[in-house]
């Protein structure tokens, strides 16, 4: 029995030492075995961008294409399932209520707490309209609907 246990520990140590390491995106989730089901084309609308126009204007000067992070806000006084969308350090909106609830359910089902998953994001708008006013900025995410968290392969 003791020899079998020692042999198992030795094999595990060798596998850990010699197997290739999983490459993570710069948005390190802290959970090496899971990833958000993403796609390249950004067509998933978020809500609340009207409150973050200054941040979106600043971000859009750098590029239209970004990486967004989804951060659950269980402390949110209006919705315990709220999920904020961040680009860099700037909050730019929220997942729609039903989608946020589904995302939080996915996180809870996978036993994931305190991590932010990343996905592609595209900032649109901000152009000058015919009347001289500026169009509002909006954000679309490259995540599949319904939102799912998948094991990394």
Protein backbone atom coordinates (compact mmCIF):
# COMPACT_ATOMS: atom_id res chain seq x y z
CA UNK A 1 0.00 0.00 0.00
CA UNK A 2 2.77 2.45 0.95
CA UNK A 3 4.74 1.55 -2.18
CA UNK A 4 1.67 2.19 -4.37
CA UNK A 5 1.13 5.58 -2.75
CA UNK A 6 4.80 6.54 -3.17
CA UNK A 7 4.74 5.44 -6.81
CA UNK A 8 1.58 7.52 -7.43
CA UNK A 9 3.18 10.63 -5.91
CA UNK A 10 6.32 10.11 -8.03
CA UNK A 11 4.30 9.75 -11.25
CA UNK A 12 2.23 12.87 -10.44
CA UNK A 13 5.41 14.88 -9.75
CA UNK A 14 6.95 13.76 -13.06
CA UNK A 15 3.78 14.63 -15.00
CA UNK A 16 3.61 18.08 -13.42
CA UNK A 17 7.29 18.70 -14.18
CA UNK A 18 7.29 17.57 -17.81
CA UNK A 19 3.83 18.20 -19.26
CA UNK A 20 3.46 21.45 -21.22
CA UNK A 21 1.92 24.29 -19.23
CA UNK A 22 -1.45 25.71 -20.26
CA UNK A 23 -1.07 29.09 -21.96
CA UNK A 24 -3.45 31.66 -20.49
CA UNK A 25 -4.58 34.93 -21.98
CA UNK A 26 -3.26 38.15 -20.44
CA UNK A 27 -6.55 38.32 -18.55
CA UNK A 28 -5.47 35.45 -16.25
CA UNK A 29 -8.66 34.13 -14.74
CA UNK A 30 -7.03 32.28 -11.90
CA UNK A 31 -8.86 29.12 -12.95
CA UNK A 32 -6.62 27.24 -15.38
CA UNK A 33 -9.24 24.67 -16.30
CA UNK A 34 -12.09 26.85 -17.57
CA UNK A 35 -12.69 29.46 -20.24
CA UNK A 36 -15.55 31.62 -21.48
CA UNK A 37 -17.19 30.45 -24.73
CA UNK A 38 -16.13 33.32 -27.03
CA UNK A 39 -16.24 34.14 -30.71
CA UNK A 40 -14.38 36.61 -32.88
CA UNK A 41 -17.38 38.55 -34.13
CA UNK A 42 -18.68 41.00 -31.51
CA UNK A 43 -22.48 41.17 -31.66
CA UNK A 44 -23.57 40.64 -28.04
CA UNK A 45 -25.03 43.93 -26.74
CA UNK A 46 -24.42 45.16 -23.22
CA UNK A 47 -26.49 47.77 -21.35
CA UNK A 48 -25.81 50.94 -19.40
CA UNK A 49 -23.13 52.41 -21.65
CA UNK A 50 -24.85 55.80 -21.42
CA UNK A 51 -23.43 56.19 -17.91
CA UNK A 52 -19.87 55.55 -19.10
CA UNK A 53 -19.56 57.75 -22.19
CA UNK A 54 -16.44 59.58 -20.95
CA UNK A 55 -14.58 56.32 -20.37
CA UNK A 56 -15.73 54.91 -23.71
CA UNK A 57 -14.66 58.09 -25.50
CA UNK A 58 -11.20 57.82 -23.97
CA UNK A 59 -10.91 54.11 -24.78
CA UNK A 60 -12.12 54.55 -28.36
CA UNK A 61 -9.24 56.96 -29.07
CA UNK A 62 -6.82 54.06 -28.61
CA UNK A 63 -8.69 51.47 -30.67
CA UNK A 64 -12.15 50.13 -31.49
CA UNK A 65 -11.16 46.56 -30.58
CA UNK A 66 -10.47 45.68 -26.96
CA UNK A 67 -10.53 42.90 -24.39
CA UNK A 68 -13.40 43.14 -21.90
CA UNK A 69 -13.56 41.51 -18.48
CA UNK A 70 -16.81 40.34 -16.92
CA UNK A 71 -16.92 41.03 -13.19
CA UNK A 72 -19.83 39.80 -11.08
CA UNK A 73 -21.09 42.36 -8.55
CA UNK A 74 -22.88 40.36 -5.82
CA UNK A 75 -22.73 43.52 -3.69
CA UNK A 76 -24.75 45.51 -6.27
CA UNK A 77 -27.68 47.09 -4.41
CA UNK A 78 -30.02 46.82 -7.39
CA UNK A 79 -29.26 43.27 -8.57
CA UNK A 80 -27.22 40.61 -6.75
CA UNK A 81 -26.64 38.91 -10.14
CA UNK A 82 -25.28 42.06 -11.81
CA UNK A 83 -22.20 41.54 -13.98
CA UNK A 84 -20.15 44.63 -14.82
CA UNK A 85 -18.18 44.88 -18.06
CA UNK A 86 -14.71 46.42 -17.79
CA UNK A 87 -12.25 47.42 -20.46
CA UNK A 88 -8.94 47.98 -18.76
CA UNK A 89 -9.70 49.68 -15.45
CA UNK A 90 -12.84 51.37 -16.78
CA UNK A 91 -16.36 50.09 -16.20
CA UNK A 92 -18.24 50.49 -19.48
CA UNK A 93 -21.61 48.84 -18.77
CA UNK A 94 -23.32 45.63 -17.68
CA UNK A 95 -24.55 42.38 -19.09
CA UNK A 96 -28.34 42.51 -19.61
CA UNK A 97 -30.22 41.28 -16.54
CA UNK A 98 -31.26 37.84 -17.86
CA UNK A 99 -27.83 37.18 -19.35
CA UNK A 100 -26.12 38.23 -16.12
CA UNK A 101 -28.28 35.84 -14.14
CA UNK A 102 -27.39 32.99 -16.53
CA UNK A 103 -23.67 33.88 -16.35
CA UNK A 104 -23.67 33.95 -12.54
CA UNK A 105 -25.48 30.59 -12.57
CA UNK A 106 -22.74 29.20 -14.88
CA UNK A 107 -20.05 30.51 -12.51
CA UNK A 108 -21.77 29.02 -9.47
CA UNK A 109 -22.34 25.68 -11.23
CA UNK A 110 -18.64 25.51 -12.10
CA UNK A 111 -17.67 26.45 -8.54
CA UNK A 112 -15.89 29.59 -9.72
CA UNK A 113 -15.76 32.54 -7.32
CA UNK A 114 -13.86 35.80 -7.55
CA UNK A 115 -12.54 35.43 -11.10
CA UNK A 116 -13.04 37.59 -14.17
CA UNK A 117 -13.28 35.99 -17.58
CA UNK A 118 -12.22 37.90 -20.69
CA UNK A 119 -13.75 38.22 -24.13
CA UNK A 120 -13.31 40.35 -27.24
CA UNK A 121 -15.07 43.74 -27.19
CA UNK A 122 -15.83 46.35 -29.84
CA UNK A 123 -16.65 50.01 -29.15
CA UNK A 124 -18.93 51.60 -31.71
CA UNK A 125 -20.42 55.06 -32.14
CA UNK A 126 -19.03 58.39 -31.06
CA UNK A 127 -19.19 59.74 -34.60
CA UNK A 128 -20.42 63.22 -35.43
CA UNK A 129 -24.06 63.19 -36.58
CA UNK A 130 -25.56 65.44 -39.28
CA UNK A 131 -26.92 67.84 -36.65
CA UNK A 132 -23.43 68.26 -35.15
CA UNK A 133 -24.12 66.20 -32.03
CA UNK A 134 -22.04 63.16 -31.16
CA UNK A 135 -23.58 59.70 -31.31
CA UNK A 136 -23.42 57.72 -28.08
CA UNK A 137 -20.79 55.02 -27.74
CA UNK A 138 -21.91 51.43 -27.45
CA UNK A 139 -20.14 48.16 -26.68
CA UNK A 140 -20.59 44.73 -28.23
CA UNK A 141 -18.94 41.61 -26.87
CA UNK A 142 -17.65 38.53 -28.63
CA UNK A 143 -19.44 35.99 -26.46
CA UNK A 144 -21.92 33.36 -27.48
CA UNK A 145 -25.54 33.49 -26.41
CA UNK A 146 -26.38 31.77 -24.15
CA UNK A 147 -23.26 32.52 -22.13
CA UNK A 148 -21.40 29.34 -21.26
CA UNK A 149 -18.22 28.48 -19.42
CA UNK A 150 -16.35 25.59 -20.99
CA UNK A 151 -13.51 23.33 -19.91
CA UNK A 152 -10.24 24.18 -21.64
CA UNK A 153 -9.16 21.57 -24.16
